[in-house]
Amino acid sequence: MKEERINNMCGGEGYVTIKHLLSDHEQSLNKKITLYAQVTIEPGHSLGYHEHHGESEIYYIISGKGEYSDDGSLRPVSSGDLTFTPDGHGHGMANCGEENLVFTALIVAD
């Protein structure tokens, strides 16, 4: 599995680590899935607010605590929570806890 560390992702603080759960070949077999990954945000780091156009994204929180921005409205998230950002809307995520915030991210083309 390919893993990458992205600094200031979407204008966020610090960095985000993304472990791609599908190979490029597997992902290309179904052009509807543009990303399926495990994302890790360390304490004090964030994934900046961004909008989706022509696609939707789902987060499933595996562990940790975060503050999720849903079209600018903030709400806490933790293990077992699910978020959905439809086409034309935006979101962001900050780790506000003391341990890593880990979640899966699935982006599906509309």
N, C-alpha and C. Protein backbone atom coordinates (compact mmCIF):
# COMPACT_ATOMS: atom_id res chain seq x y z
N MET A 1 0.83 -1.18 0.00
CA MET A 1 0.00 0.00 0.00
C MET A 1 0.87 1.24 0.00
N LYS A 2 0.53 2.16 -0.87
CA LYS A 2 1.27 3.42 -0.98
C LYS A 2 0.87 4.34 0.17
N GLU A 3 1.87 4.95 0.80
CA GLU A 3 1.62 5.88 1.90
C GLU A 3 2.30 7.20 1.57
N GLU A 4 1.61 8.29 1.86
CA GLU A 4 2.19 9.61 1.61
C GLU A 4 1.86 10.55 2.76
N ARG A 5 2.76 11.49 2.97
CA ARG A 5 2.59 12.52 3.99
C ARG A 5 2.45 13.84 3.27
N ILE A 6 1.34 14.54 3.52
CA ILE A 6 1.06 15.79 2.82
C ILE A 6 1.07 16.94 3.82
N ASN A 7 1.97 17.88 3.60
CA ASN A 7 2.06 19.06 4.46
C ASN A 7 0.97 20.06 4.10
N ASN A 8 0.37 20.66 5.12
CA ASN A 8 -0.63 21.72 4.95
C ASN A 8 -1.72 21.33 3.94
N MET A 9 -2.24 20.11 4.06
CA MET A 9 -3.25 19.61 3.11
C MET A 9 -4.48 20.51 3.11
N CYS A 10 -4.85 21.00 1.97
CA CYS A 10 -6.00 21.89 1.77
C CYS A 10 -5.93 23.11 2.69
N GLY A 11 -4.71 23.56 2.98
CA GLY A 11 -4.52 24.72 3.84
C GLY A 11 -4.56 24.42 5.33
N GLY A 12 -4.54 23.14 5.69
CA GLY A 12 -4.56 22.76 7.10
C GLY A 12 -3.22 22.98 7.78
N GLU A 13 -3.21 22.76 9.08
CA GLU A 13 -2.01 22.90 9.91
C GLU A 13 -1.23 21.59 9.95
N GLY A 14 0.08 21.65 9.93
CA GLY A 14 0.91 20.44 10.06
C GLY A 14 0.79 19.56 8.83
N TYR A 15 0.65 18.27 9.08
CA TYR A 15 0.58 17.32 7.96
C TYR A 15 -0.45 16.23 8.22
N VAL A 16 -0.80 15.55 7.15
CA VAL A 16 -1.74 14.43 7.16
C VAL A 16 -1.04 13.25 6.49
N THR A 17 -1.20 12.06 7.06
CA THR A 17 -0.65 10.85 6.45
C THR A 17 -1.78 10.06 5.81
N ILE A 18 -1.61 9.71 4.54
CA ILE A 18 -2.62 8.98 3.79
C ILE A 18 -2.05 7.64 3.35
N LYS A 19 -2.70 6.56 3.77
CA LYS A 19 -2.33 5.21 3.33
C LYS A 19 -3.41 4.76 2.35
N HIS A 20 -3.05 4.66 1.08
CA HIS A 20 -3.99 4.26 0.04
C HIS A 20 -4.30 2.77 0.19
N LEU A 21 -5.59 2.44 0.31
CA LEU A 21 -6.01 1.06 0.53
C LEU A 21 -6.22 0.29 -0.76
N LEU A 22 -6.27 0.99 -1.88
CA LEU A 22 -6.37 0.36 -3.20
C LEU A 22 -5.13 0.72 -4.01
N SER A 23 -4.64 -0.24 -4.77
CA SER A 23 -3.54 0.07 -5.69
C SER A 23 -4.09 0.93 -6.83
N ASP A 24 -3.21 1.57 -7.58
CA ASP A 24 -3.64 2.36 -8.74
C ASP A 24 -4.43 1.49 -9.70
N HIS A 25 -3.99 0.24 -9.90
CA HIS A 25 -4.68 -0.68 -10.80
C HIS A 25 -6.08 -1.00 -10.29
N GLU A 26 -6.19 -1.33 -9.00
CA GLU A 26 -7.50 -1.65 -8.43
C GLU A 26 -8.44 -0.45 -8.52
N GLN A 27 -7.91 0.72 -8.23
CA GLN A 27 -8.73 1.92 -8.27
C GLN A 27 -9.19 2.24 -9.68
N SER A 28 -8.36 1.95 -10.68
CA SER A 28 -8.72 2.26 -12.06
C SER A 28 -9.79 1.31 -12.61
N LEU A 29 -10.01 0.17 -11.96
CA LEU A 29 -11.02 -0.78 -12.44
C LEU A 29 -12.43 -0.24 -12.29
N ASN A 30 -12.65 0.60 -11.31
CA ASN A 30 -13.95 1.21 -11.09
C ASN A 30 -13.74 2.72 -11.05
N LYS A 31 -14.01 3.39 -12.11
CA LYS A 31 -13.71 4.81 -12.20
C LYS A 31 -14.58 5.67 -11.29
N LYS A 32 -15.51 5.06 -10.57
CA LYS A 32 -16.35 5.80 -9.63
C LYS A 32 -15.61 6.10 -8.34
N ILE A 33 -14.69 5.22 -7.92
CA ILE A 33 -13.94 5.43 -6.68
C ILE A 33 -12.65 6.16 -7.02
N THR A 34 -12.53 7.39 -6.52
CA THR A 34 -11.32 8.15 -6.80
C THR A 34 -10.33 8.11 -5.64
N LEU A 35 -10.81 7.72 -4.44
CA LEU A 35 -9.92 7.56 -3.30
C LEU A 35 -10.57 6.64 -2.28
N TYR A 36 -9.80 5.68 -1.79
CA TYR A 36 -10.18 4.87 -0.63
C TYR A 36 -8.91 4.74 0.18
N ALA A 37 -8.87 5.38 1.35
CA ALA A 37 -7.63 5.48 2.10
C ALA A 37 -7.88 5.53 3.59
N GLN A 38 -6.82 5.22 4.34
CA GLN A 38 -6.81 5.44 5.78
C GLN A 38 -6.02 6.71 6.02
N VAL A 39 -6.63 7.65 6.71
CA VAL A 39 -6.03 8.96 6.95
C VAL A 39 -5.69 9.08 8.43
N THR A 40 -4.49 9.58 8.73
CA THR A 40 -4.07 9.81 10.11
C THR A 40 -3.69 11.28 10.27
N ILE A 41 -4.29 11.91 11.29
CA ILE A 41 -3.97 13.29 11.63
C ILE A 41 -3.46 13.28 13.07
N GLU A 42 -2.25 13.75 13.27
CA GLU A 42 -1.66 13.79 14.60
C GLU A 42 -2.26 14.94 15.42
N PRO A 43 -2.14 14.87 16.76
CA PRO A 43 -2.67 15.94 17.61
C PRO A 43 -2.15 17.32 17.19
N GLY A 44 -3.07 18.28 17.12
CA GLY A 44 -2.71 19.64 16.75
C GLY A 44 -2.63 19.88 15.25
N HIS A 45 -2.78 18.84 14.45
CA HIS A 45 -2.71 18.98 12.99
C HIS A 45 -4.14 18.97 12.43
N SER A 46 -4.28 19.36 11.15
CA SER A 46 -5.61 19.40 10.55
C SER A 46 -5.55 19.21 9.04
N LEU A 47 -6.70 18.85 8.50
CA LEU A 47 -6.94 18.79 7.07
C LEU A 47 -7.86 19.98 6.81
N GLY A 48 -7.41 20.94 6.02
CA GLY A 48 -8.15 22.18 5.84
C GLY A 48 -9.49 22.02 5.15
N TYR A 49 -10.32 23.02 5.33
CA TYR A 49 -11.65 23.06 4.72
C TYR A 49 -11.52 23.10 3.20
N HIS A 50 -12.30 22.27 2.52
CA HIS A 50 -12.29 22.23 1.06
C HIS A 50 -13.65 21.76 0.57
N GLU A 51 -13.96 22.09 -0.67
CA GLU A 51 -15.24 21.69 -1.27
C GLU A 51 -15.05 20.57 -2.27
N HIS A 52 -16.11 19.81 -2.48
CA HIS A 52 -16.11 18.73 -3.47
C HIS A 52 -17.05 19.10 -4.61
N HIS A 53 -16.56 18.89 -5.83
CA HIS A 53 -17.36 19.18 -7.02
C HIS A 53 -17.28 17.96 -7.93
N GLY A 54 -18.43 17.40 -8.26
CA GLY A 54 -18.49 16.21 -9.11
C GLY A 54 -18.18 14.92 -8.35
N GLU A 55 -18.17 15.00 -7.02
CA GLU A 55 -17.86 13.83 -6.19
C GLU A 55 -18.40 14.04 -4.78
N SER A 56 -18.52 12.95 -4.04
CA SER A 56 -18.93 12.97 -2.64
C SER A 56 -17.89 12.23 -1.81
N GLU A 57 -17.80 12.56 -0.51
CA GLU A 57 -16.81 11.90 0.35
C GLU A 57 -17.43 11.47 1.66
N ILE A 58 -17.02 10.29 2.12
CA ILE A 58 -17.46 9.72 3.39
C ILE A 58 -16.23 9.50 4.26
N TYR A 59 -16.31 9.91 5.52
CA TYR A 59 -15.29 9.58 6.53
C TYR A 59 -15.92 8.61 7.53
N TYR A 60 -15.17 7.59 7.92
CA TYR A 60 -15.56 6.72 9.03
C TYR A 60 -14.44 6.81 10.06
N ILE A 61 -14.77 7.30 11.26
CA ILE A 61 -13.76 7.53 12.29
C ILE A 61 -13.43 6.20 12.98
N ILE A 62 -12.16 5.81 12.92
CA ILE A 62 -11.69 4.56 13.53
C ILE A 62 -11.26 4.81 14.97
N SER A 63 -10.47 5.86 15.21
CA SER A 63 -10.00 6.15 16.57
C SER A 63 -9.63 7.62 16.68
N GLY A 64 -9.60 8.09 17.92
CA GLY A 64 -9.24 9.47 18.18
C GLY A 64 -10.46 10.38 18.25
N LYS A 65 -10.18 11.67 18.44
CA LYS A 65 -11.22 12.69 18.53
C LYS A 65 -10.88 13.83 17.61
N GLY A 66 -11.91 14.35 16.95
CA GLY A 66 -11.67 15.45 16.04
C GLY A 66 -12.79 16.46 16.07
N GLU A 67 -12.52 17.58 15.40
CA GLU A 67 -13.54 18.60 15.19
C GLU A 67 -13.77 18.66 13.68
N TYR A 68 -14.98 18.31 13.28
CA TYR A 68 -15.34 18.22 11.87
C TYR A 68 -16.08 19.48 11.46
N SER A 69 -15.66 20.07 10.35
CA SER A 69 -16.34 21.23 9.78
C SER A 69 -17.22 20.75 8.64
N ASP A 70 -18.52 20.88 8.82
CA ASP A 70 -19.51 20.45 7.83
C ASP A 70 -20.14 21.70 7.24
N ASP A 71 -19.66 22.13 6.08
CA ASP A 71 -20.10 23.39 5.47
C ASP A 71 -19.91 24.56 6.42
N GLY A 72 -18.86 24.49 7.25
CA GLY A 72 -18.54 25.58 8.16
C GLY A 72 -19.11 25.41 9.56
N SER A 73 -20.06 24.48 9.75
CA SER A 73 -20.60 24.19 11.09
C SER A 73 -19.70 23.15 11.75
N LEU A 74 -19.21 23.45 12.95
CA LEU A 74 -18.29 22.56 13.64
C LEU A 74 -19.04 21.60 14.55
N ARG A 75 -18.56 20.34 14.57
CA ARG A 75 -19.12 19.35 15.49
C ARG A 75 -18.03 18.35 15.86
N PRO A 76 -18.11 17.82 17.08
CA PRO A 76 -17.11 16.83 17.49
C PRO A 76 -17.38 15.48 16.82
N VAL A 77 -16.31 14.74 16.54
CA VAL A 77 -16.42 13.37 16.03
C VAL A 77 -15.45 12.49 16.81
N SER A 78 -15.80 11.20 16.91
CA SER A 78 -14.95 10.23 17.59
C SER A 78 -15.23 8.85 17.02
N SER A 79 -14.55 7.88 17.53
CA SER A 79 -14.63 6.50 17.05
C SER A 79 -16.07 6.06 16.80
N GLY A 80 -16.32 5.52 15.60
CA GLY A 80 -17.64 5.03 15.23
C GLY A 80 -18.51 6.03 14.49
N ASP A 81 -18.10 7.30 14.44
CA ASP A 81 -18.89 8.31 13.74
C ASP A 81 -18.64 8.24 12.23
N LEU A 82 -19.64 8.65 11.48
CA LEU A 82 -19.60 8.67 10.03
C LEU A 82 -19.98 10.07 9.57
N THR A 83 -19.26 10.61 8.59
CA THR A 83 -19.61 11.90 8.01
C THR A 83 -19.84 11.70 6.51
N PHE A 84 -20.66 12.56 5.93
CA PHE A 84 -20.93 12.50 4.50
C PHE A 84 -20.93 13.92 3.95
N THR A 85 -20.13 14.14 2.92
CA THR A 85 -20.07 15.44 2.25
C THR A 85 -20.49 15.24 0.80
N PRO A 86 -21.70 15.70 0.45
CA PRO A 86 -22.18 15.52 -0.92
C PRO A 86 -21.54 16.51 -1.90
N ASP A 87 -21.73 16.24 -3.17
CA ASP A 87 -21.27 17.10 -4.25
C ASP A 87 -21.73 18.54 -4.00
N GLY A 88 -20.81 19.49 -4.17
CA GLY A 88 -21.13 20.89 -4.01
C GLY A 88 -21.03 21.42 -2.59
N HIS A 89 -20.59 20.58 -1.67
CA HIS A 89 -20.47 20.99 -0.26
C HIS A 89 -19.02 20.83 0.19
N GLY A 90 -18.72 21.35 1.39
CA GLY A 90 -17.34 21.31 1.86
C GLY A 90 -17.21 20.80 3.28
N HIS A 91 -15.96 20.46 3.62
CA HIS A 91 -15.67 19.94 4.95
C HIS A 91 -14.18 20.09 5.26
N GLY A 92 -13.84 19.87 6.52
CA GLY A 92 -12.47 19.86 7.01
C GLY A 92 -12.44 19.08 8.31
N MET A 93 -11.23 18.77 8.80
CA MET A 93 -11.11 17.98 10.02
C MET A 93 -9.85 18.41 10.77
N ALA A 94 -10.00 18.58 12.08
CA ALA A 94 -8.86 18.91 12.95
C ALA A 94 -8.79 17.90 14.07
N ASN A 95 -7.58 17.50 14.43
CA ASN A 95 -7.40 16.61 15.57
C ASN A 95 -7.34 17.48 16.82
N CYS A 96 -8.34 17.34 17.68
CA CYS A 96 -8.39 18.14 18.90
C CYS A 96 -8.13 17.28 20.13
N GLY A 97 -7.71 16.03 19.91
CA GLY A 97 -7.46 15.11 21.01
C GLY A 97 -5.97 15.00 21.32
N GLU A 98 -5.67 14.01 22.15
CA GLU A 98 -4.28 13.77 22.56
C GLU A 98 -3.66 12.55 21.90
N GLU A 99 -4.42 11.88 21.04
CA GLU A 99 -3.90 10.73 20.29
C GLU A 99 -4.19 10.95 18.82
N ASN A 100 -3.59 10.12 17.98
CA ASN A 100 -3.83 10.25 16.55
C ASN A 100 -5.32 10.08 16.23
N LEU A 101 -5.79 10.88 15.29
CA LEU A 101 -7.14 10.74 14.73
C LEU A 101 -6.99 9.93 13.46
N VAL A 102 -7.66 8.77 13.43
CA VAL A 102 -7.53 7.85 12.28
C VAL A 102 -8.93 7.60 11.71
N PHE A 103 -9.05 7.73 10.39
CA PHE A 103 -10.35 7.49 9.74
C PHE A 103 -10.13 6.99 8.32
N THR A 104 -11.16 6.35 7.79
CA THR A 104 -11.11 5.98 6.37
C THR A 104 -11.81 7.10 5.60
N ALA A 105 -11.33 7.33 4.40
CA ALA A 105 -11.91 8.32 3.50
C ALA A 105 -12.24 7.63 2.18
N LEU A 106 -13.47 7.80 1.72
CA LEU A 106 -13.92 7.22 0.46
C LEU A 106 -14.50 8.35 -0.38
N ILE A 107 -13.88 8.59 -1.55
CA ILE A 107 -14.39 9.59 -2.47
C ILE A 107 -14.96 8.86 -3.68
N VAL A 108 -16.23 9.19 -4.00
CA VAL A 108 -16.93 8.54 -5.10
C VAL A 108 -17.37 9.61 -6.09
N ALA A 109 -17.03 9.41 -7.35
CA ALA A 109 -17.45 10.35 -8.40
C ALA A 109 -18.95 10.24 -8.58
N ASP A 110 -19.59 11.40 -8.75
CA ASP A 110 -21.05 11.42 -8.96
C ASP A 110 -21.38 11.20 -10.41
